[in-house]
C-alpha atoms as a PDB file:
ATOM      1  CA  MET A   1      38.024  27.446 164.900  1.00  0.00           C
ATOM      2  CA  PRO A   2      34.371  26.222 164.789  1.00  0.00           C
ATOM      3  CA  LEU A   3      32.964  24.480 167.823  1.00  0.00           C
ATOM      4  CA  LYS A   4      32.834  20.699 167.640  1.00  0.00           C
ATOM      5  CA  GLU A   5      29.418  19.099 167.479  1.00  0.00           C
ATOM      6  CA  ARG A   6      28.694  17.214 170.676  1.00  0.00           C
ATOM      7  CA  VAL A   7      27.335  13.670 170.449  1.00  0.00           C
ATOM      8  CA  LEU A   8      25.832  11.844 173.409  1.00  0.00           C
ATOM      9  CA  VAL A   9      26.440   8.090 173.097  1.00  0.00           C
ATOM     10  CA  VAL A  10      23.962   6.078 175.192  1.00  0.00           C
ATOM     11  CA  GLU A  11      25.285   2.527 175.380  1.00  0.00           C
ATOM     12  CA  ASP A  12      25.414   0.081 178.298  1.00  0.00           C
ATOM     13  CA  GLU A  13      28.037  -2.198 176.702  1.00  0.00           C
ATOM     14  CA  LYS A  14      31.260  -0.374 177.495  1.00  0.00           C
ATOM     15  CA  SER A  15      33.265  -1.974 174.681  1.00  0.00           C
ATOM     16  CA  ILE A  16      30.767  -0.774 172.074  1.00  0.00           C
ATOM     17  CA  GLY A  17      30.535   2.633 173.696  1.00  0.00           C
ATOM     18  CA  HIS A  18      34.315   2.942 173.629  1.00  0.00           C
ATOM     19  CA  PHE A  19      34.444   1.908 169.955  1.00  0.00           C
ATOM     20  CA  VAL A  20      31.797   4.447 168.931  1.00  0.00           C
ATOM     21  CA  ALA A  21      33.420   7.196 171.011  1.00  0.00           C
ATOM     22  CA  THR A  22      36.805   6.483 169.410  1.00  0.00           C
ATOM     23  CA  VAL A  23      35.346   6.654 165.892  1.00  0.00           C
ATOM     24  CA  LEU A  24      33.568   9.928 166.609  1.00  0.00           C
ATOM     25  CA  THR A  25      36.482  11.553 168.409  1.00  0.00           C
ATOM     26  CA  SER A  26      38.825  10.726 165.539  1.00  0.00           C
ATOM     27  CA  ASN A  27      36.338  12.463 163.221  1.00  0.00           C
ATOM     28  CA  ASN A  28      36.348  15.667 165.245  1.00  0.00           C
ATOM     29  CA  TYR A  29      33.200  15.195 167.335  1.00  0.00           C
ATOM     30  CA  ASP A  30      33.004  16.054 171.016  1.00  0.00           C
ATOM     31  CA  VAL A  31      31.755  12.852 172.676  1.00  0.00           C
ATOM     32  CA  ILE A  32      30.034  12.236 175.993  1.00  0.00           C
ATOM     33  CA  VAL A  33      28.889   8.773 177.079  1.00  0.00           C
ATOM     34  CA  ALA A  34      26.014   7.546 179.252  1.00  0.00           C
ATOM     35  CA  HIS A  35      25.576   3.915 180.328  1.00  0.00           C
ATOM     36  CA  THR A  36      22.019   4.156 181.693  1.00  0.00           C
ATOM     37  CA  GLY A  37      18.798   5.875 180.734  1.00  0.00           C
ATOM     38  CA  ALA A  38      18.887   8.074 183.838  1.00  0.00           C
ATOM     39  CA  GLU A  39      22.399   9.256 182.980  1.00  0.00           C
ATOM     40  CA  ALA A  40      21.326   9.932 179.406  1.00  0.00           C
ATOM     41  CA  LEU A  41      18.347  12.103 180.385  1.00  0.00           C
ATOM     42  CA  ALA A  42      20.492  14.038 182.837  1.00  0.00           C
ATOM     43  CA  MET A  43      23.141  14.665 180.167  1.00  0.00           C
ATOM     44  CA  VAL A  44      20.572  15.758 177.589  1.00  0.00           C
ATOM     45  CA  THR A  45      19.522  18.594 179.885  1.00  0.00           C
ATOM     46  CA  SER A  46      22.927  19.450 181.382  1.00  0.00           C
ATOM     47  CA  GLN A  47      25.394  18.880 178.520  1.00  0.00           C
ATOM     48  CA  SER A  48      23.355  20.180 175.535  1.00  0.00           C
ATOM     49  CA  PRO A  49      24.380  17.570 172.951  1.00  0.00           C
ATOM     50  CA  ASP A  50      23.794  18.214 169.255  1.00  0.00           C
ATOM     51  CA  LEU A  51      22.767  14.593 168.643  1.00  0.00           C
ATOM     52  CA  VAL A  52      22.032  11.402 170.594  1.00  0.00           C
ATOM     53  CA  LEU A  53      23.122   7.893 169.555  1.00  0.00           C
ATOM     54  CA  LEU A  54      20.743   5.699 171.515  1.00  0.00           C
ATOM     55  CA  ASP A  55      20.861   2.001 172.328  1.00  0.00           C
ATOM     56  CA  LEU A  56      17.422   0.661 173.243  1.00  0.00           C
ATOM     57  CA  GLY A  57      18.455  -2.116 175.622  1.00  0.00           C
ATOM     58  CA  LEU A  58      19.485  -0.147 178.704  1.00  0.00           C
ATOM     59  CA  PRO A  59      19.711  -1.615 182.235  1.00  0.00           C
ATOM     60  CA  ASP A  60      17.261   0.772 183.892  1.00  0.00           C
ATOM     61  CA  MET A  61      14.747   1.561 181.159  1.00  0.00           C
ATOM     62  CA  ASP A  62      13.907   0.920 177.530  1.00  0.00           C
ATOM     63  CA  GLY A  63      15.441   3.405 175.125  1.00  0.00           C
ATOM     64  CA  THR A  64      12.014   4.201 173.668  1.00  0.00           C
ATOM     65  CA  SER A  65      11.194   5.899 176.979  1.00  0.00           C
ATOM     66  CA  ILE A  66      14.067   8.296 176.338  1.00  0.00           C
ATOM     67  CA  ILE A  67      12.770   9.063 172.846  1.00  0.00           C
ATOM     68  CA  LYS A  68       9.312   9.768 174.241  1.00  0.00           C
ATOM     69  CA  THR A  69      10.632  11.983 177.039  1.00  0.00           C
ATOM     70  CA  VAL A  70      12.965  14.019 174.843  1.00  0.00           C
ATOM     71  CA  ARG A  71      10.363  14.419 172.088  1.00  0.00           C
ATOM     72  CA  SER A  72       7.920  15.913 174.593  1.00  0.00           C
ATOM     73  CA  TRP A  73      10.031  19.079 174.631  1.00  0.00           C
ATOM     74  CA  SER A  74      12.838  18.930 172.046  1.00  0.00           C
ATOM     75  CA  ARG A  75      13.610  18.156 168.386  1.00  0.00           C
ATOM     76  CA  LEU A  76      17.148  17.064 169.328  1.00  0.00           C
ATOM     77  CA  PRO A  77      18.277  14.548 166.656  1.00  0.00           C
ATOM     78  CA  ILE A  78      18.123  10.961 167.925  1.00  0.00           C
ATOM     79  CA  ILE A  79      19.625   8.025 166.035  1.00  0.00           C
ATOM     80  CA  VAL A  80      18.823   4.602 167.437  1.00  0.00           C
ATOM     81  CA  VAL A  81      21.738   2.153 167.299  1.00  0.00           C
ATOM     82  CA  SER A  82      20.389  -1.218 168.363  1.00  0.00           C
ATOM     83  CA  ALA A  83      20.790  -4.970 168.000  1.00  0.00           C
ATOM     84  CA  ARG A  84      16.994  -5.259 167.747  1.00  0.00           C
ATOM     85  CA  MET A  85      16.319  -6.291 164.166  1.00  0.00           C
ATOM     86  CA  HIS A  86      12.565  -6.903 164.311  1.00  0.00           C
ATOM     87  CA  GLU A  87      10.563  -4.623 162.055  1.00  0.00           C
ATOM     88  CA  ARG A  88       8.148  -3.611 164.799  1.00  0.00           C
ATOM     89  CA  ASP A  89      11.033  -2.279 166.937  1.00  0.00           C
ATOM     90  CA  LYS A  90      12.233  -0.077 164.078  1.00  0.00           C
ATOM     91  CA  VAL A  91       8.740   1.148 163.282  1.00  0.00           C
ATOM     92  CA  GLU A  92       7.999   1.920 166.933  1.00  0.00           C
ATOM     93  CA  ALA A  93      11.215   3.912 167.409  1.00  0.00           C
ATOM     94  CA  LEU A  94      10.746   5.908 164.202  1.00  0.00           C
ATOM     95  CA  ASP A  95       7.066   6.581 164.853  1.00  0.00           C
ATOM     96  CA  MET A  96       7.908   7.792 168.363  1.00  0.00           C
ATOM     97  CA  GLY A  97      10.248  10.397 166.915  1.00  0.00           C
ATOM     98  CA  ALA A  98      13.676   8.849 166.309  1.00  0.00           C
ATOM     99  CA  ASP A  99      15.346  10.423 163.276  1.00  0.00           C
ATOM    100  CA  ASP A 100      17.052   7.231 162.113  1.00  0.00           C
ATOM    101  CA  TYR A 101      17.652   3.598 163.068  1.00  0.00           C
ATOM    102  CA  ILE A 102      20.914   1.693 162.579  1.00  0.00           C
ATOM    103  CA  THR A 103      21.099  -2.024 163.276  1.00  0.00           C
ATOM    104  CA  LYS A 104      24.166  -3.533 164.946  1.00  0.00           C
ATOM    105  CA  PRO A 105      26.680  -4.467 163.702  1.00  0.00           C
ATOM    106  CA  PHE A 106      27.411  -1.384 161.617  1.00  0.00           C
ATOM    107  CA  GLY A 107      30.381   0.179 159.875  1.00  0.00           C
ATOM    108  CA  PRO A 108      31.965   3.507 160.873  1.00  0.00           C
ATOM    109  CA  SER A 109      31.308   5.034 157.435  1.00  0.00           C
ATOM    110  CA  GLU A 110      27.572   4.320 157.645  1.00  0.00           C
ATOM    111  CA  LEU A 111      27.399   5.678 161.185  1.00  0.00           C
ATOM    112  CA  LEU A 112      29.210   8.898 160.277  1.00  0.00           C
ATOM    113  CA  ALA A 113      27.043   9.438 157.183  1.00  0.00           C
ATOM    114  CA  ARG A 114      23.828   9.029 159.195  1.00  0.00           C
ATOM    115  CA  ILE A 115      25.122  11.447 161.850  1.00  0.00           C
ATOM    116  CA  ARG A 116      26.014  14.081 159.248  1.00  0.00           C
ATOM    117  CA  ALA A 117      22.571  13.783 157.650  1.00  0.00           C
ATOM    118  CA  ALA A 118      20.709  14.094 160.967  1.00  0.00           C
ATOM    119  CA  ILE A 119      22.733  17.120 162.078  1.00  0.00           C
ATOM    120  CA  ARG A 120      22.232  18.794 158.684  1.00  0.00           C
ATOM    121  CA  HIS A 121      18.464  18.348 158.924  1.00  0.00           C
ATOM    122  CA  ALA A 122      18.378  19.714 162.453  1.00  0.00           C
ATOM    123  CA  GLY A 123      20.566  22.679 161.523  1.00  0.00           C
ATOM    124  CA  ALA A 124      18.388  23.612 158.562  1.00  0.00           C
ATOM    125  CA  ALA A 125      15.221  23.464 160.654  1.00  0.00           C
ATOM    126  CA  GLU A 126      16.777  25.619 163.375  1.00  0.00           C
ATOM    127  CA  ALA A 127      18.233  28.162 160.964  1.00  0.00           C
ATOM    128  CA  PHE A 128      14.937  28.710 159.144  1.00  0.00           C
ATOM    129  CA  PRO A 129      12.108  28.030 161.598  1.00  0.00           C
ATOM    130  CA  GLY A 130       8.762  28.410 159.903  1.00  0.00           C
ATOM    131  CA  ALA A 131      10.425  29.369 156.608  1.00  0.00           C
ATOM    132  CA  ALA A 132       8.947  28.339 153.278  1.00  0.00           C
ATOM    133  CA  PRO A 133      10.377  25.026 152.097  1.00  0.00           C
ATOM    134  CA  ALA A 134      13.007  24.974 149.365  1.00  0.00           C
ATOM    135  CA  GLU A 135      11.604  25.319 145.852  1.00  0.00           C
ATOM    136  CA  LYS A 136      13.735  22.457 144.525  1.00  0.00           C
ATOM    137  CA  TYR A 137      15.416  19.326 145.788  1.00  0.00           C
ATOM    138  CA  GLN A 138      18.153  17.772 143.675  1.00  0.00           C
ATOM    139  CA  VAL A 139      20.258  14.657 144.054  1.00  0.00           C
ATOM    140  CA  GLY A 140      22.105  13.135 141.120  1.00  0.00           C
ATOM    141  CA  ASP A 141      19.929  13.546 138.009  1.00  0.00           C
ATOM    142  CA  LEU A 142      16.738  13.684 140.063  1.00  0.00           C
ATOM    143  CA  VAL A 143      15.070  17.071 140.628  1.00  0.00           C
ATOM    144  CA  ILE A 144      11.889  17.680 142.619  1.00  0.00           C
ATOM    145  CA  ASP A 145      10.522  21.076 141.593  1.00  0.00           C
ATOM    146  CA  TYR A 146       8.115  22.023 144.372  1.00  0.00           C
ATOM    147  CA  ASP A 147       7.076  25.274 142.727  1.00  0.00           C
ATOM    148  CA  LYS A 148       6.001  23.599 139.470  1.00  0.00           C
ATOM    149  CA  ARG A 149       5.002  20.322 141.177  1.00  0.00           C
ATOM    150  CA  GLN A 150       7.155  18.345 138.771  1.00  0.00           C
ATOM    151  CA  VAL A 151       9.798  15.644 139.042  1.00  0.00           C
ATOM    152  CA  LEU A 152      12.549  15.575 136.449  1.00  0.00           C
ATOM    153  CA  VAL A 153      15.224  12.992 135.697  1.00  0.00           C
ATOM    154  CA  ALA A 154      18.134  14.230 133.592  1.00  0.00           C
ATOM    155  CA  GLY A 155      16.020  17.263 132.693  1.00  0.00           C
ATOM    156  CA  VAL A 156      12.993  15.268 131.520  1.00  0.00           C
ATOM    157  CA  ASN A 157       9.611  15.583 133.246  1.00  0.00           C
ATOM    158  CA  VAL A 158       8.638  12.038 134.295  1.00  0.00           C
ATOM    159  CA  ARG A 159       4.937  12.984 134.630  1.00  0.00           C
ATOM    160  CA  LEU A 160       3.856  11.496 137.921  1.00  0.00           C
ATOM    161  CA  THR A 161       0.271  11.201 139.069  1.00  0.00           C
ATOM    162  CA  GLN A 162      -0.876  13.474 141.879  1.00  0.00           C
ATOM    163  CA  ASN A 163      -0.359  10.858 144.596  1.00  0.00           C
ATOM    164  CA  GLU A 164       2.959   9.700 143.130  1.00  0.00           C
ATOM    165  CA  TYR A 165       4.167  13.298 143.220  1.00  0.00           C
ATOM    166  CA  ARG A 166       2.962  13.777 146.802  1.00  0.00           C
ATOM    167  CA  ILE A 167       4.858  10.668 147.922  1.00  0.00           C
ATOM    168  CA  ILE A 168       8.189  11.639 146.378  1.00  0.00           C
ATOM    169  CA  ALA A 169       7.753  15.274 147.431  1.00  0.00           C
ATOM    170  CA  LEU A 170       7.300  14.157 151.038  1.00  0.00           C
ATOM    171  CA  LEU A 171      10.351  11.892 150.843  1.00  0.00           C
ATOM    172  CA  GLY A 172      12.310  14.825 149.414  1.00  0.00           C
ATOM    173  CA  ARG A 173      11.345  17.047 152.350  1.00  0.00           C
ATOM    174  CA  HIS A 174      12.837  14.400 154.653  1.00  0.00           C
ATOM    175  CA  ALA A 175      15.641  13.127 152.397  1.00  0.00           C
ATOM    176  CA  GLY A 176      18.017  10.787 154.189  1.00  0.00           C
ATOM    177  CA  ARG A 177      15.409   9.796 156.790  1.00  0.00           C
ATOM    178  CA  VAL A 178      13.262   6.689 156.835  1.00  0.00           C
ATOM    179  CA  LEU A 179       9.548   7.488 156.604  1.00  0.00           C
ATOM    180  CA  THR A 180       7.442   4.617 157.888  1.00  0.00           C
ATOM    181  CA  TYR A 181       4.633   3.072 155.868  1.00  0.00           C
ATOM    182  CA  ASP A 182       2.038   4.259 158.370  1.00  0.00           C
ATOM    183  CA  TYR A 183       3.388   7.822 158.287  1.00  0.00           C
ATOM    184  CA  LEU A 184       3.245   7.952 154.483  1.00  0.00           C
ATOM    185  CA  LEU A 185      -0.248   6.448 154.409  1.00  0.00           C
ATOM    186  CA  ARG A 186      -1.525   8.989 156.935  1.00  0.00           C
ATOM    187  CA  GLU A 187       0.064  11.943 155.155  1.00  0.00           C
ATOM    188  CA  ILE A 188      -1.063  10.985 151.653  1.00  0.00           C
ATOM    189  CA  TRP A 189      -4.397   9.191 152.135  1.00  0.00           C
ATOM    190  CA  GLY A 190      -5.415  10.096 155.668  1.00  0.00           C
ATOM    191  CA  ALA A 191      -6.681   7.366 157.987  1.00  0.00           C
ATOM    192  CA  ASN A 192      -5.919   3.888 156.631  1.00  0.00           C
ATOM    193  CA  PRO A 193      -6.121   0.439 158.193  1.00  0.00           C
ATOM    194  CA  ARG A 194      -2.806  -0.197 159.952  1.00  0.00           C
ATOM    195  CA  GLY A 195      -0.562  -2.436 157.903  1.00  0.00           C
ATOM    196  CA  ASP A 196      -2.593  -1.993 154.690  1.00  0.00           C
ATOM    197  CA  ASN A 197       0.352  -0.989 152.509  1.00  0.00           C
ATOM    198  CA  GLN A 198      -0.835  -2.278 149.130  1.00  0.00           C
ATOM    199  CA  ILE A 199      -1.844   1.128 147.780  1.00  0.00           C
ATOM    200  CA  LEU A 200       1.514   2.549 148.844  1.00  0.00           C
ATOM    201  CA  ARG A 201       3.455  -0.336 147.267  1.00  0.00           C
ATOM    202  CA  VAL A 202       1.632   0.072 143.966  1.00  0.00           C
ATOM    203  CA  ASN A 203       2.346   3.799 143.846  1.00  0.00           C
ATOM    204  CA  MET A 204       5.994   3.248 144.807  1.00  0.00           C
ATOM    205  CA  ALA A 205       6.417   0.649 142.050  1.00  0.00           C
ATOM    206  CA  ASN A 206       5.076   3.183 139.534  1.00  0.00           C
ATOM    207  CA  ILE A 207       7.377   5.925 140.851  1.00  0.00           C
ATOM    208  CA  ARG A 208      10.434   3.692 140.592  1.00  0.00           C
ATOM    209  CA  ARG A 209       9.484   2.611 137.088  1.00  0.00           C
ATOM    210  CA  LYS A 210       9.458   6.269 136.071  1.00  0.00           C
ATOM    211  CA  ILE A 211      12.554   7.592 137.881  1.00  0.00           C
ATOM    212  CA  GLU A 212      14.944   4.643 138.233  1.00  0.00           C
ATOM    213  CA  LYS A 213      17.169   3.255 135.479  1.00  0.00           C
ATOM    214  CA  ASN A 214      16.667  -0.184 137.014  1.00  0.00           C
ATOM    215  CA  PRO A 215      13.704  -0.329 139.428  1.00  0.00           C
ATOM    216  CA  ALA A 216      15.014  -3.644 140.825  1.00  0.00           C
ATOM    217  CA  GLU A 217      18.217  -1.878 141.914  1.00  0.00           C
ATOM    218  CA  PRO A 218      17.046   1.626 142.884  1.00  0.00           C
ATOM    219  CA  GLN A 219      19.512   4.460 143.253  1.00  0.00           C
ATOM    220  CA  TYR A 220      17.108   7.087 144.591  1.00  0.00           C
ATOM    221  CA  ILE A 221      14.385   5.552 146.771  1.00  0.00           C
ATOM    222  CA  PHE A 222      15.459   2.758 149.097  1.00  0.00           C
ATOM    223  CA  THR A 223      13.255   0.312 150.989  1.00  0.00           C
ATOM    224  CA  GLU A 224      13.809  -0.376 154.676  1.00  0.00           C
ATOM    225  CA  ALA A 225      12.126  -3.794 154.658  1.00  0.00           C
ATOM    226  CA  GLY A 226       9.008  -3.875 156.788  1.00  0.00           C
ATOM    227  CA  VAL A 227       9.563  -0.289 157.923  1.00  0.00           C
ATOM    228  CA  GLY A 228       9.309   2.293 155.151  1.00  0.00           C
ATOM    229  CA  TYR A 229      11.158   4.219 152.457  1.00  0.00           C
ATOM    230  CA  ARG A 230      14.116   6.610 152.334  1.00  0.00           C
ATOM    231  CA  LEU A 231      15.135   9.026 149.569  1.00  0.00           C
ATOM    232  CA  TRP A 232      18.854   9.178 148.817  1.00  0.00           C
ATOM    233  CA  GLU A 233      20.355  12.409 150.131  1.00  0.00           C
ATOM    234  CA  GLY A 234      23.629  12.165 148.214  1.00  0.00           C
ATOM    235  CA  ASP A 235      27.191  11.571 149.356  1.00  0.00           C
END
């Protein structure tokens, strides 16, 4: 029987922590719970979790301090689960190294899907460290052919510009994760004035026009308002 994946739940509100632990346990995860930042950091080193669900508002420290500390030595998947809804909080957590950000309240199905995606990404990176990236990424009718530098929808080459291709290729490499505006700007155009997203928005509008049946209701690239973009990873 395969070993259960261990999830560290860092949550100071015991009722929420109990709810999350119950959901995860019933879905065959091994769950450990920390109520403070100090407990969380101790458990990360002593209990070897496969993923951390992190609340930011802890009694002894801000959760971003935990992200910073863990990221200084580990790529352990971290999903922030927080009541903080301000865009700058999401951007800060993701830019510091969080793999995902879920805003309270949330549904169990969404939580479980985000956990599966984060663990899959971490497992692939660990299994093939330094390996060449996959030649193709496919979800639904969308195919990113990295070898030919083409994007196809239902078998038809949609003929993206160089920058449009680079954007969707980068999203494909991190499918299921939110990439912040600043991260995309840095990776595609290099240094850009912070918050100057117009060039990115224009390119994204062109990409959606070419790959989406209805750009106003996208099925492939989703916007996290004020934060960034995420490519659909599939069910």
